[in-house]
PDB file of N, CA and C in Angstrom:
ATOM      1  N   MET A   1       1.434 -24.427   3.295  1.00  0.00           N
ATOM      2  CA  MET A   1       0.992 -23.687   2.110  1.00  0.00           C
ATOM      3  C   MET A   1       2.206 -23.319   1.294  1.00  0.00           C
ATOM      4  N   LEU A   2       2.131 -23.565  -0.007  1.00  0.00           N
ATOM      5  CA  LEU A   2       3.222 -23.214  -0.921  1.00  0.00           C
ATOM      6  C   LEU A   2       3.056 -21.763  -1.363  1.00  0.00           C
ATOM      7  N   ARG A   3       4.190 -21.113  -1.495  1.00  0.00           N
ATOM      8  CA  ARG A   3       4.168 -19.729  -1.952  1.00  0.00           C
ATOM      9  C   ARG A   3       5.006 -19.618  -3.224  1.00  0.00           C
ATOM     10  N   SER A   4       4.618 -18.695  -4.059  1.00  0.00           N
ATOM     11  CA  SER A   4       5.383 -18.392  -5.293  1.00  0.00           C
ATOM     12  C   SER A   4       6.695 -17.746  -4.921  1.00  0.00           C
ATOM     13  N   VAL A   5       7.608 -17.783  -5.857  1.00  0.00           N
ATOM     14  CA  VAL A   5       8.875 -17.078  -5.662  1.00  0.00           C
ATOM     15  C   VAL A   5       8.627 -15.613  -5.404  1.00  0.00           C
ATOM     16  N   GLY A   6       9.322 -15.059  -4.407  1.00  0.00           N
ATOM     17  CA  GLY A   6       9.146 -13.635  -4.153  1.00  0.00           C
ATOM     18  C   GLY A   6       8.072 -13.313  -3.161  1.00  0.00           C
ATOM     19  N   GLN A   7       7.332 -14.257  -2.706  1.00  0.00           N
ATOM     20  CA  GLN A   7       6.282 -13.997  -1.734  1.00  0.00           C
ATOM     21  C   GLN A   7       6.785 -14.412  -0.362  1.00  0.00           C
ATOM     22  N   LYS A   8       6.801 -13.449   0.524  1.00  0.00           N
ATOM     23  CA  LYS A   8       7.239 -13.696   1.879  1.00  0.00           C
ATOM     24  C   LYS A   8       6.177 -13.145   2.782  1.00  0.00           C
ATOM     25  N   ARG A   9       5.708 -13.978   3.690  1.00  0.00           N
ATOM     26  CA  ARG A   9       4.698 -13.508   4.614  1.00  0.00           C
ATOM     27  C   ARG A   9       5.408 -12.947   5.845  1.00  0.00           C
ATOM     28  N   VAL A  10       4.994 -11.794   6.235  1.00  0.00           N
ATOM     29  CA  VAL A  10       5.530 -11.095   7.412  1.00  0.00           C
ATOM     30  C   VAL A  10       4.667 -11.516   8.577  1.00  0.00           C
ATOM     31  N   THR A  11       5.274 -12.105   9.570  1.00  0.00           N
ATOM     32  CA  THR A  11       4.487 -12.600  10.718  1.00  0.00           C
ATOM     33  C   THR A  11       4.266 -11.506  11.750  1.00  0.00           C
ATOM     34  N   GLY A  12       3.260 -11.729  12.547  1.00  0.00           N
ATOM     35  CA  GLY A  12       2.961 -10.812  13.610  1.00  0.00           C
ATOM     36  C   GLY A  12       1.641 -10.120  13.375  1.00  0.00           C
ATOM     37  N   ARG A  13       1.036  -9.647  14.402  1.00  0.00           N
ATOM     38  CA  ARG A  13      -0.236  -8.947  14.324  1.00  0.00           C
ATOM     39  C   ARG A  13       0.044  -7.459  14.102  1.00  0.00           C
ATOM     40  N   GLY A  14      -0.970  -6.768  13.564  1.00  0.00           N
ATOM     41  CA  GLY A  14      -0.799  -5.364  13.251  1.00  0.00           C
ATOM     42  C   GLY A  14      -0.305  -4.539  14.405  1.00  0.00           C
ATOM     43  N   GLY A  15      -0.780  -4.817  15.607  1.00  0.00           N
ATOM     44  CA  GLY A  15      -0.369  -4.047  16.765  1.00  0.00           C
ATOM     45  C   GLY A  15       1.036  -4.363  17.224  1.00  0.00           C
ATOM     46  N   ASP A  16       1.564  -5.508  16.774  1.00  0.00           N
ATOM     47  CA  ASP A  16       2.894  -5.904  17.205  1.00  0.00           C
ATOM     48  C   ASP A  16       4.003  -5.401  16.282  1.00  0.00           C
ATOM     49  N   ASP A  17       3.661  -5.055  15.062  1.00  0.00           N
ATOM     50  CA  ASP A  17       4.656  -4.719  14.073  1.00  0.00           C
ATOM     51  C   ASP A  17       4.542  -3.234  13.690  1.00  0.00           C
ATOM     52  N   PRO A  18       5.543  -2.416  14.055  1.00  0.00           N
ATOM     53  CA  PRO A  18       5.453  -0.979  13.720  1.00  0.00           C
ATOM     54  C   PRO A  18       5.397  -0.701  12.228  1.00  0.00           C
ATOM     55  N   ARG A  19       5.891  -1.626  11.400  1.00  0.00           N
ATOM     56  CA  ARG A  19       5.789  -1.449   9.958  1.00  0.00           C
ATOM     57  C   ARG A  19       4.310  -1.470   9.526  1.00  0.00           C
ATOM     58  N   VAL A  20       3.589  -2.365  10.090  1.00  0.00           N
ATOM     59  CA  VAL A  20       2.157  -2.471   9.755  1.00  0.00           C
ATOM     60  C   VAL A  20       1.444  -1.222  10.200  1.00  0.00           C
ATOM     61  N   THR A  21       1.775  -0.728  11.371  1.00  0.00           N
ATOM     62  CA  THR A  21       1.147   0.523  11.877  1.00  0.00           C
ATOM     63  C   THR A  21       1.469   1.658  10.934  1.00  0.00           C
ATOM     64  N   GLU A  22       2.710   1.766  10.479  1.00  0.00           N
ATOM     65  CA  GLU A  22       3.109   2.831   9.555  1.00  0.00           C
ATOM     66  C   GLU A  22       2.376   2.678   8.238  1.00  0.00           C
ATOM     67  N   LEU A  23       2.249   1.466   7.749  1.00  0.00           N
ATOM     68  CA  LEU A  23       1.528   1.211   6.500  1.00  0.00           C
ATOM     69  C   LEU A  23       0.066   1.649   6.614  1.00  0.00           C
ATOM     70  N   ARG A  24      -0.583   1.246   7.650  1.00  0.00           N
ATOM     71  CA  ARG A  24      -1.998   1.565   7.818  1.00  0.00           C
ATOM     72  C   ARG A  24      -2.206   3.069   7.991  1.00  0.00           C
ATOM     73  N   THR A  25      -1.309   3.754   8.693  1.00  0.00           N
ATOM     74  CA  THR A  25      -1.395   5.169   8.869  1.00  0.00           C
ATOM     75  C   THR A  25      -1.220   5.909   7.524  1.00  0.00           C
ATOM     76  N   ALA A  26      -0.212   5.482   6.757  1.00  0.00           N
ATOM     77  CA  ALA A  26       0.027   6.138   5.479  1.00  0.00           C
ATOM     78  C   ALA A  26      -1.115   5.892   4.474  1.00  0.00           C
ATOM     79  N   VAL A  27      -1.633   4.666   4.444  1.00  0.00           N
ATOM     80  CA  VAL A  27      -2.759   4.353   3.591  1.00  0.00           C
ATOM     81  C   VAL A  27      -3.979   5.154   3.976  1.00  0.00           C
ATOM     82  N   SER A  28      -4.254   5.227   5.247  1.00  0.00           N
ATOM     83  CA  SER A  28      -5.401   5.991   5.720  1.00  0.00           C
ATOM     84  C   SER A  28      -5.289   7.472   5.337  1.00  0.00           C
ATOM     85  N   ARG A  29      -4.129   8.017   5.470  1.00  0.00           N
ATOM     86  CA  ARG A  29      -3.871   9.434   5.100  1.00  0.00           C
ATOM     87  C   ARG A  29      -4.126   9.661   3.626  1.00  0.00           C
ATOM     88  N   LEU A  30      -3.565   8.750   2.787  1.00  0.00           N
ATOM     89  CA  LEU A  30      -3.754   8.939   1.350  1.00  0.00           C
ATOM     90  C   LEU A  30      -5.208   8.698   0.940  1.00  0.00           C
ATOM     91  N   ARG A  31      -5.896   7.788   1.594  1.00  0.00           N
ATOM     92  CA  ARG A  31      -7.321   7.551   1.271  1.00  0.00           C
ATOM     93  C   ARG A  31      -8.123   8.803   1.583  1.00  0.00           C
ATOM     94  N   ARG A  32      -7.820   9.460   2.721  1.00  0.00           N
ATOM     95  CA  ARG A  32      -8.530  10.732   3.074  1.00  0.00           C
ATOM     96  C   ARG A  32      -8.233  11.811   2.052  1.00  0.00           C
ATOM     97  N   GLU A  33      -6.948  11.945   1.686  1.00  0.00           N
ATOM     98  CA  GLU A  33      -6.580  12.980   0.700  1.00  0.00           C
ATOM     99  C   GLU A  33      -7.230  12.697  -0.655  1.00  0.00           C
ATOM    100  N   LEU A  34      -7.324  11.477  -1.041  1.00  0.00           N
ATOM    101  CA  LEU A  34      -7.956  11.113  -2.319  1.00  0.00           C
ATOM    102  C   LEU A  34      -9.444  11.410  -2.246  1.00  0.00           C
ATOM    103  N   ALA A  35     -10.058  11.109  -1.135  1.00  0.00           N
ATOM    104  CA  ALA A  35     -11.517  11.344  -0.974  1.00  0.00           C
ATOM    105  C   ALA A  35     -11.825  12.853  -1.038  1.00  0.00           C
ATOM    106  N   LEU A  36     -10.912  13.657  -0.560  1.00  0.00           N
ATOM    107  CA  LEU A  36     -11.128  15.096  -0.521  1.00  0.00           C
ATOM    108  C   LEU A  36     -10.707  15.786  -1.804  1.00  0.00           C
ATOM    109  N   HIS A  37      -9.988  15.078  -2.659  1.00  0.00           N
ATOM    110  CA  HIS A  37      -9.515  15.692  -3.898  1.00  0.00           C
ATOM    111  C   HIS A  37     -10.689  15.918  -4.850  1.00  0.00           C
ATOM    112  N   PRO A  38     -10.870  17.160  -5.323  1.00  0.00           N
ATOM    113  CA  PRO A  38     -12.058  17.459  -6.103  1.00  0.00           C
ATOM    114  C   PRO A  38     -12.077  16.941  -7.525  1.00  0.00           C
ATOM    115  N   ALA A  39     -10.914  16.724  -8.110  1.00  0.00           N
ATOM    116  CA  ALA A  39     -10.868  16.300  -9.519  1.00  0.00           C
ATOM    117  C   ALA A  39     -11.211  14.814  -9.644  1.00  0.00           C
ATOM    118  N   ASP A  40     -11.990  14.527 -10.676  1.00  0.00           N
ATOM    119  CA  ASP A  40     -12.240  13.161 -11.014  1.00  0.00           C
ATOM    120  C   ASP A  40     -11.311  12.754 -12.132  1.00  0.00           C
ATOM    121  N   PHE A  41     -10.589  11.669 -12.014  1.00  0.00           N
ATOM    122  CA  PHE A  41      -9.672  11.261 -13.056  1.00  0.00           C
ATOM    123  C   PHE A  41      -9.955   9.772 -13.375  1.00  0.00           C
ATOM    124  N   PRO A  42      -9.555   9.353 -14.556  1.00  0.00           N
ATOM    125  CA  PRO A  42     -10.010   8.037 -15.062  1.00  0.00           C
ATOM    126  C   PRO A  42      -9.690   6.834 -14.156  1.00  0.00           C
ATOM    127  N   ASP A  43      -8.560   6.868 -13.477  1.00  0.00           N
ATOM    128  CA  ASP A  43      -8.137   5.694 -12.705  1.00  0.00           C
ATOM    129  C   ASP A  43      -8.378   5.857 -11.201  1.00  0.00           C
ATOM    130  N   ARG A  44      -9.204   6.802 -10.835  1.00  0.00           N
ATOM    131  CA  ARG A  44      -9.461   7.014  -9.422  1.00  0.00           C
ATOM    132  C   ARG A  44      -9.985   5.748  -8.736  1.00  0.00           C
ATOM    133  N   GLY A  45     -10.908   5.049  -9.409  1.00  0.00           N
ATOM    134  CA  GLY A  45     -11.472   3.822  -8.827  1.00  0.00           C
ATOM    135  C   GLY A  45     -10.399   2.761  -8.576  1.00  0.00           C
ATOM    136  N   ILE A  46      -9.425   2.667  -9.480  1.00  0.00           N
ATOM    137  CA  ILE A  46      -8.323   1.728  -9.286  1.00  0.00           C
ATOM    138  C   ILE A  46      -7.524   2.106  -8.044  1.00  0.00           C
ATOM    139  N   ALA A  47      -7.241   3.363  -7.919  1.00  0.00           N
ATOM    140  CA  ALA A  47      -6.479   3.863  -6.743  1.00  0.00           C
ATOM    141  C   ALA A  47      -7.232   3.539  -5.457  1.00  0.00           C
ATOM    142  N   GLU A  48      -8.551   3.798  -5.449  1.00  0.00           N
ATOM    143  CA  GLU A  48      -9.351   3.529  -4.268  1.00  0.00           C
ATOM    144  C   GLU A  48      -9.372   2.054  -3.933  1.00  0.00           C
ATOM    145  N   ASP A  49      -9.543   1.201  -4.946  1.00  0.00           N
ATOM    146  CA  ASP A  49      -9.558  -0.265  -4.706  1.00  0.00           C
ATOM    147  C   ASP A  49      -8.247  -0.761  -4.174  1.00  0.00           C
ATOM    148  N   GLU A  50      -7.143  -0.293  -4.733  1.00  0.00           N
ATOM    149  CA  GLU A  50      -5.824  -0.776  -4.287  1.00  0.00           C
ATOM    150  C   GLU A  50      -5.485  -0.220  -2.898  1.00  0.00           C
ATOM    151  N   LEU A  51      -5.919   0.957  -2.605  1.00  0.00           N
ATOM    152  CA  LEU A  51      -5.697   1.477  -1.220  1.00  0.00           C
ATOM    153  C   LEU A  51      -6.490   0.663  -0.228  1.00  0.00           C
ATOM    154  N   ALA A  52      -7.692   0.244  -0.636  1.00  0.00           N
ATOM    155  CA  ALA A  52      -8.502  -0.620   0.237  1.00  0.00           C
ATOM    156  C   ALA A  52      -7.800  -1.985   0.421  1.00  0.00           C
ATOM    157  N   ALA A  53      -7.197  -2.512  -0.666  1.00  0.00           N
ATOM    158  CA  ALA A  53      -6.472  -3.759  -0.574  1.00  0.00           C
ATOM    159  C   ALA A  53      -5.258  -3.625   0.355  1.00  0.00           C
ATOM    160  N   LEU A  54      -4.523  -2.495   0.256  1.00  0.00           N
ATOM    161  CA  LEU A  54      -3.414  -2.272   1.129  1.00  0.00           C
ATOM    162  C   LEU A  54      -3.859  -2.205   2.595  1.00  0.00           C
ATOM    163  N   ASP A  55      -4.942  -1.558   2.825  1.00  0.00           N
ATOM    164  CA  ASP A  55      -5.467  -1.444   4.187  1.00  0.00           C
ATOM    165  C   ASP A  55      -5.841  -2.841   4.688  1.00  0.00           C
ATOM    166  N   ALA A  56      -6.494  -3.628   3.859  1.00  0.00           N
ATOM    167  CA  ALA A  56      -6.862  -5.006   4.263  1.00  0.00           C
ATOM    168  C   ALA A  56      -5.650  -5.823   4.575  1.00  0.00           C
ATOM    169  N   MET A  57      -4.559  -5.653   3.820  1.00  0.00           N
ATOM    170  CA  MET A  57      -3.334  -6.387   4.121  1.00  0.00           C
ATOM    171  C   MET A  57      -2.776  -5.944   5.467  1.00  0.00           C
ATOM    172  N   GLY A  58      -2.889  -4.665   5.753  1.00  0.00           N
ATOM    173  CA  GLY A  58      -2.436  -4.163   7.036  1.00  0.00           C
ATOM    174  C   GLY A  58      -3.282  -4.704   8.201  1.00  0.00           C
ATOM    175  N   ILE A  59      -4.597  -4.763   7.979  1.00  0.00           N
ATOM    176  CA  ILE A  59      -5.492  -5.312   8.994  1.00  0.00           C
ATOM    177  C   ILE A  59      -5.177  -6.757   9.303  1.00  0.00           C
ATOM    178  N   SER A  60      -4.836  -7.512   8.262  1.00  0.00           N
ATOM    179  CA  SER A  60      -4.483  -8.923   8.455  1.00  0.00           C
ATOM    180  C   SER A  60      -3.273  -9.074   9.303  1.00  0.00           C
ATOM    181  N   GLY A  61      -2.381  -8.041   9.333  1.00  0.00           N
ATOM    182  CA  GLY A  61      -1.206  -8.107  10.135  1.00  0.00           C
ATOM    183  C   GLY A  61      -0.068  -8.910   9.525  1.00  0.00           C
ATOM    184  N   ALA A  62      -0.314  -9.504   8.364  1.00  0.00           N
ATOM    185  CA  ALA A  62       0.710 -10.360   7.758  1.00  0.00           C
ATOM    186  C   ALA A  62       0.747 -10.153   6.243  1.00  0.00           C
ATOM    187  N   PRO A  63       1.075  -8.940   5.811  1.00  0.00           N
ATOM    188  CA  PRO A  63       1.078  -8.693   4.367  1.00  0.00           C
ATOM    189  C   PRO A  63       2.211  -9.395   3.623  1.00  0.00           C
ATOM    190  N   GLU A  64       1.931  -9.789   2.414  1.00  0.00           N
ATOM    191  CA  GLU A  64       2.949 -10.381   1.550  1.00  0.00           C
ATOM    192  C   GLU A  64       3.611  -9.276   0.778  1.00  0.00           C
ATOM    193  N   ILE A  65       4.891  -9.246   0.770  1.00  0.00           N
ATOM    194  CA  ILE A  65       5.669  -8.152   0.189  1.00  0.00           C
ATOM    195  C   ILE A  65       5.367  -7.992  -1.299  1.00  0.00           C
ATOM    196  N   VAL A  66       5.253  -9.087  -2.024  1.00  0.00           N
ATOM    197  CA  VAL A  66       4.964  -8.992  -3.443  1.00  0.00           C
ATOM    198  C   VAL A  66       3.601  -8.317  -3.683  1.00  0.00           C
ATOM    199  N   ARG A  67       2.628  -8.695  -2.908  1.00  0.00           N
ATOM    200  CA  ARG A  67       1.297  -8.073  -3.043  1.00  0.00           C
ATOM    201  C   ARG A  67       1.340  -6.593  -2.635  1.00  0.00           C
ATOM    202  N   LEU A  68       2.060  -6.241  -1.605  1.00  0.00           N
ATOM    203  CA  LEU A  68       2.206  -4.872  -1.195  1.00  0.00           C
ATOM    204  C   LEU A  68       2.755  -4.025  -2.354  1.00  0.00           C
ATOM    205  N   ARG A  69       3.830  -4.525  -2.926  1.00  0.00           N
ATOM    206  CA  ARG A  69       4.499  -3.788  -4.021  1.00  0.00           C
ATOM    207  C   ARG A  69       3.626  -3.696  -5.260  1.00  0.00           C
ATOM    208  N   ARG A  70       2.884  -4.733  -5.537  1.00  0.00           N
ATOM    209  CA  ARG A  70       1.974  -4.719  -6.693  1.00  0.00           C
ATOM    210  C   ARG A  70       0.901  -3.631  -6.479  1.00  0.00           C
ATOM    211  N   SER A  71       0.292  -3.624  -5.293  1.00  0.00           N
ATOM    212  CA  SER A  71      -0.714  -2.604  -5.033  1.00  0.00           C
ATOM    213  C   SER A  71      -0.153  -1.218  -5.053  1.00  0.00           C
ATOM    214  N   LEU A  72       1.064  -1.033  -4.517  1.00  0.00           N
ATOM    215  CA  LEU A  72       1.715   0.245  -4.563  1.00  0.00           C
ATOM    216  C   LEU A  72       1.916   0.706  -5.979  1.00  0.00           C
ATOM    217  N   LEU A  73       2.364  -0.184  -6.851  1.00  0.00           N
ATOM    218  CA  LEU A  73       2.578   0.139  -8.281  1.00  0.00           C
ATOM    219  C   LEU A  73       1.273   0.562  -8.941  1.00  0.00           C
ATOM    220  N   LEU A  74       0.188  -0.139  -8.649  1.00  0.00           N
ATOM    221  CA  LEU A  74      -1.107   0.221  -9.244  1.00  0.00           C
ATOM    222  C   LEU A  74      -1.607   1.591  -8.735  1.00  0.00           C
ATOM    223  N   VAL A  75      -1.415   1.844  -7.449  1.00  0.00           N
ATOM    224  CA  VAL A  75      -1.818   3.158  -6.906  1.00  0.00           C
ATOM    225  C   VAL A  75      -0.961   4.271  -7.538  1.00  0.00           C
ATOM    226  N   ALA A  76       0.309   4.054  -7.644  1.00  0.00           N
ATOM    227  CA  ALA A  76       1.210   5.043  -8.239  1.00  0.00           C
ATOM    228  C   ALA A  76       0.810   5.330  -9.688  1.00  0.00           C
ATOM    229  N   ALA A  77       0.505   4.252 -10.422  1.00  0.00           N
ATOM    230  CA  ALA A  77       0.130   4.456 -11.812  1.00  0.00           C
ATOM    231  C   ALA A  77      -1.209   5.178 -11.951  1.00  0.00           C
ATOM    232  N   ALA A  78      -2.116   4.928 -11.011  1.00  0.00           N
ATOM    233  CA  ALA A  78      -3.431   5.528 -11.060  1.00  0.00           C
ATOM    234  C   ALA A  78      -3.427   6.996 -10.649  1.00  0.00           C
ATOM    235  N   ILE A  79      -2.606   7.391  -9.714  1.00  0.00           N
ATOM    236  CA  ILE A  79      -2.672   8.776  -9.222  1.00  0.00           C
ATOM    237  C   ILE A  79      -1.348   9.522  -9.396  1.00  0.00           C
ATOM    238  N   GLY A  80      -0.416   8.884 -10.069  1.00  0.00           N
ATOM    239  CA  GLY A  80       0.922   9.491 -10.221  1.00  0.00           C
ATOM    240  C   GLY A  80       0.938  10.869 -10.832  1.00  0.00           C
ATOM    241  N   SER A  81      -0.020  11.156 -11.669  1.00  0.00           N
ATOM    242  CA  SER A  81       0.005  12.469 -12.334  1.00  0.00           C
ATOM    243  C   SER A  81      -0.724  13.553 -11.544  1.00  0.00           C
ATOM    244  N   VAL A  82      -1.292  13.189 -10.393  1.00  0.00           N
ATOM    245  CA  VAL A  82      -2.004  14.148  -9.555  1.00  0.00           C
ATOM    246  C   VAL A  82      -1.025  14.667  -8.502  1.00  0.00           C
ATOM    247  N   SER A  83      -0.384  15.786  -8.802  1.00  0.00           N
ATOM    248  CA  SER A  83       0.713  16.267  -7.939  1.00  0.00           C
ATOM    249  C   SER A  83       0.266  16.553  -6.526  1.00  0.00           C
ATOM    250  N   ALA A  84      -0.969  16.947  -6.320  1.00  0.00           N
ATOM    251  CA  ALA A  84      -1.457  17.223  -4.967  1.00  0.00           C
ATOM    252  C   ALA A  84      -1.419  15.969  -4.076  1.00  0.00           C
ATOM    253  N   LEU A  85      -1.446  14.783  -4.685  1.00  0.00           N
ATOM    254  CA  LEU A  85      -1.434  13.556  -3.894  1.00  0.00           C
ATOM    255  C   LEU A  85      -0.035  12.942  -3.757  1.00  0.00           C
ATOM    256  N   ALA A  86       0.915  13.578  -4.338  1.00  0.00           N
ATOM    257  CA  ALA A  86       2.307  13.055  -4.307  1.00  0.00           C
ATOM    258  C   ALA A  86       2.854  12.811  -2.876  1.00  0.00           C
ATOM    259  N   PRO A  87       2.684  13.765  -1.960  1.00  0.00           N
ATOM    260  CA  PRO A  87       3.215  13.530  -0.629  1.00  0.00           C
ATOM    261  C   PRO A  87       2.571  12.327   0.044  1.00  0.00           C
ATOM    262  N   GLY A  88       1.289  12.140  -0.116  1.00  0.00           N
ATOM    263  CA  GLY A  88       0.612  10.974   0.447  1.00  0.00           C
ATOM    264  C   GLY A  88       1.093   9.685  -0.173  1.00  0.00           C
ATOM    265  N   LEU A  89       1.270   9.707  -1.482  1.00  0.00           N
ATOM    266  CA  LEU A  89       1.751   8.518  -2.199  1.00  0.00           C
ATOM    267  C   LEU A  89       3.174   8.207  -1.732  1.00  0.00           C
ATOM    268  N   ARG A  90       3.977   9.202  -1.541  1.00  0.00           N
ATOM    269  CA  ARG A  90       5.346   9.001  -1.041  1.00  0.00           C
ATOM    270  C   ARG A  90       5.321   8.340   0.336  1.00  0.00           C
ATOM    271  N   GLY A  91       4.373   8.741   1.173  1.00  0.00           N
ATOM    272  CA  GLY A  91       4.256   8.145   2.498  1.00  0.00           C
ATOM    273  C   GLY A  91       3.920   6.662   2.411  1.00  0.00           C
ATOM    274  N   VAL A  92       3.009   6.293   1.495  1.00  0.00           N
ATOM    275  CA  VAL A  92       2.676   4.881   1.331  1.00  0.00           C
ATOM    276  C   VAL A  92       3.866   4.128   0.792  1.00  0.00           C
ATOM    277  N   ARG A  93       4.567   4.690  -0.196  1.00  0.00           N
ATOM    278  CA  ARG A  93       5.776   4.016  -0.716  1.00  0.00           C
ATOM    279  C   ARG A  93       6.816   3.803   0.371  1.00  0.00           C
ATOM    280  N   ASN A  94       7.061   4.791   1.204  1.00  0.00           N
ATOM    281  CA  ASN A  94       8.025   4.682   2.284  1.00  0.00           C
ATOM    282  C   ASN A  94       7.576   3.577   3.257  1.00  0.00           C
ATOM    283  N   ALA A  95       6.294   3.473   3.545  1.00  0.00           N
ATOM    284  CA  ALA A  95       5.797   2.469   4.444  1.00  0.00           C
ATOM    285  C   ALA A  95       5.969   1.060   3.845  1.00  0.00           C
ATOM    286  N   VAL A  96       5.696   0.919   2.566  1.00  0.00           N
ATOM    287  CA  VAL A  96       5.867  -0.377   1.910  1.00  0.00           C
ATOM    288  C   VAL A  96       7.383  -0.731   1.901  1.00  0.00           C
ATOM    289  N   ASP A  97       8.237   0.247   1.698  1.00  0.00           N
ATOM    290  CA  ASP A  97       9.694  -0.018   1.698  1.00  0.00           C
ATOM    291  C   ASP A  97      10.163  -0.573   3.009  1.00  0.00           C
ATOM    292  N   LEU A  98       9.472  -0.268   4.140  1.00  0.00           N
ATOM    293  CA  LEU A  98       9.889  -0.790   5.416  1.00  0.00           C
ATOM    294  C   LEU A  98       9.847  -2.319   5.469  1.00  0.00           C
ATOM    295  N   PHE A  99       9.100  -2.924   4.595  1.00  0.00           N
ATOM    296  CA  PHE A  99       8.962  -4.387   4.559  1.00  0.00           C
ATOM    297  C   PHE A  99      10.103  -5.043   3.787  1.00  0.00           C
ATOM    298  N   GLY A 100      10.896  -4.256   3.100  1.00  0.00           N
ATOM    299  CA  GLY A 100      12.028  -4.813   2.357  1.00  0.00           C
ATOM    300  C   GLY A 100      11.655  -5.264   0.992  1.00  0.00           C
ATOM    301  N   GLU A 101      12.613  -5.907   0.366  1.00  0.00           N
ATOM    302  CA  GLU A 101      12.470  -6.419  -0.997  1.00  0.00           C
ATOM    303  C   GLU A 101      11.906  -7.833  -0.919  1.00  0.00           C
ATOM    304  N   PRO A 102      11.195  -8.242  -1.988  1.00  0.00           N
ATOM    305  CA  PRO A 102      10.760  -9.656  -2.016  1.00  0.00           C
ATOM    306  C   PRO A 102      11.986 -10.553  -2.113  1.00  0.00           C
ATOM    307  N   THR A 103      11.834 -11.730  -1.497  1.00  0.00           N
ATOM    308  CA  THR A 103      12.948 -12.695  -1.565  1.00  0.00           C
ATOM    309  C   THR A 103      13.010 -13.302  -2.966  1.00  0.00           C
ATOM    310  N   ARG A 104      14.187 -13.589  -3.400  1.00  0.00           N
ATOM    311  CA  ARG A 104      14.388 -14.153  -4.760  1.00  0.00           C
ATOM    312  C   ARG A 104      15.087 -15.487  -4.602  1.00  0.00           C
ATOM    313  N   ARG A 105      14.794 -16.376  -5.565  1.00  0.00           N
ATOM    314  CA  ARG A 105      15.460 -17.700  -5.547  1.00  0.00           C
ATOM    315  C   ARG A 105      16.457 -17.767  -6.636  1.00  0.00           C
TER     316      ARG A 105
END
């Protein structure tokens, strides 16, 4: 299978890779915090969809770094102004950072 520049597949199953475990834990925590947050804001649906995508990548056990970072960027843009969710968002960002930077050619 050919991959675009910057896409690197991380091998291993979710249970084998502590980075995947950390990602799934952080995403789960932020999803719960978002579900409990009383305010409705315009991009809430985008945040929920991208958190679901991040979780799915974690379940697969082999997330692509470029896709992880894209989803993180969309979540941050969607909920970045909701200060109550900042610690959870920081946790997801830290978990994504564990996978490193996309490879460049």
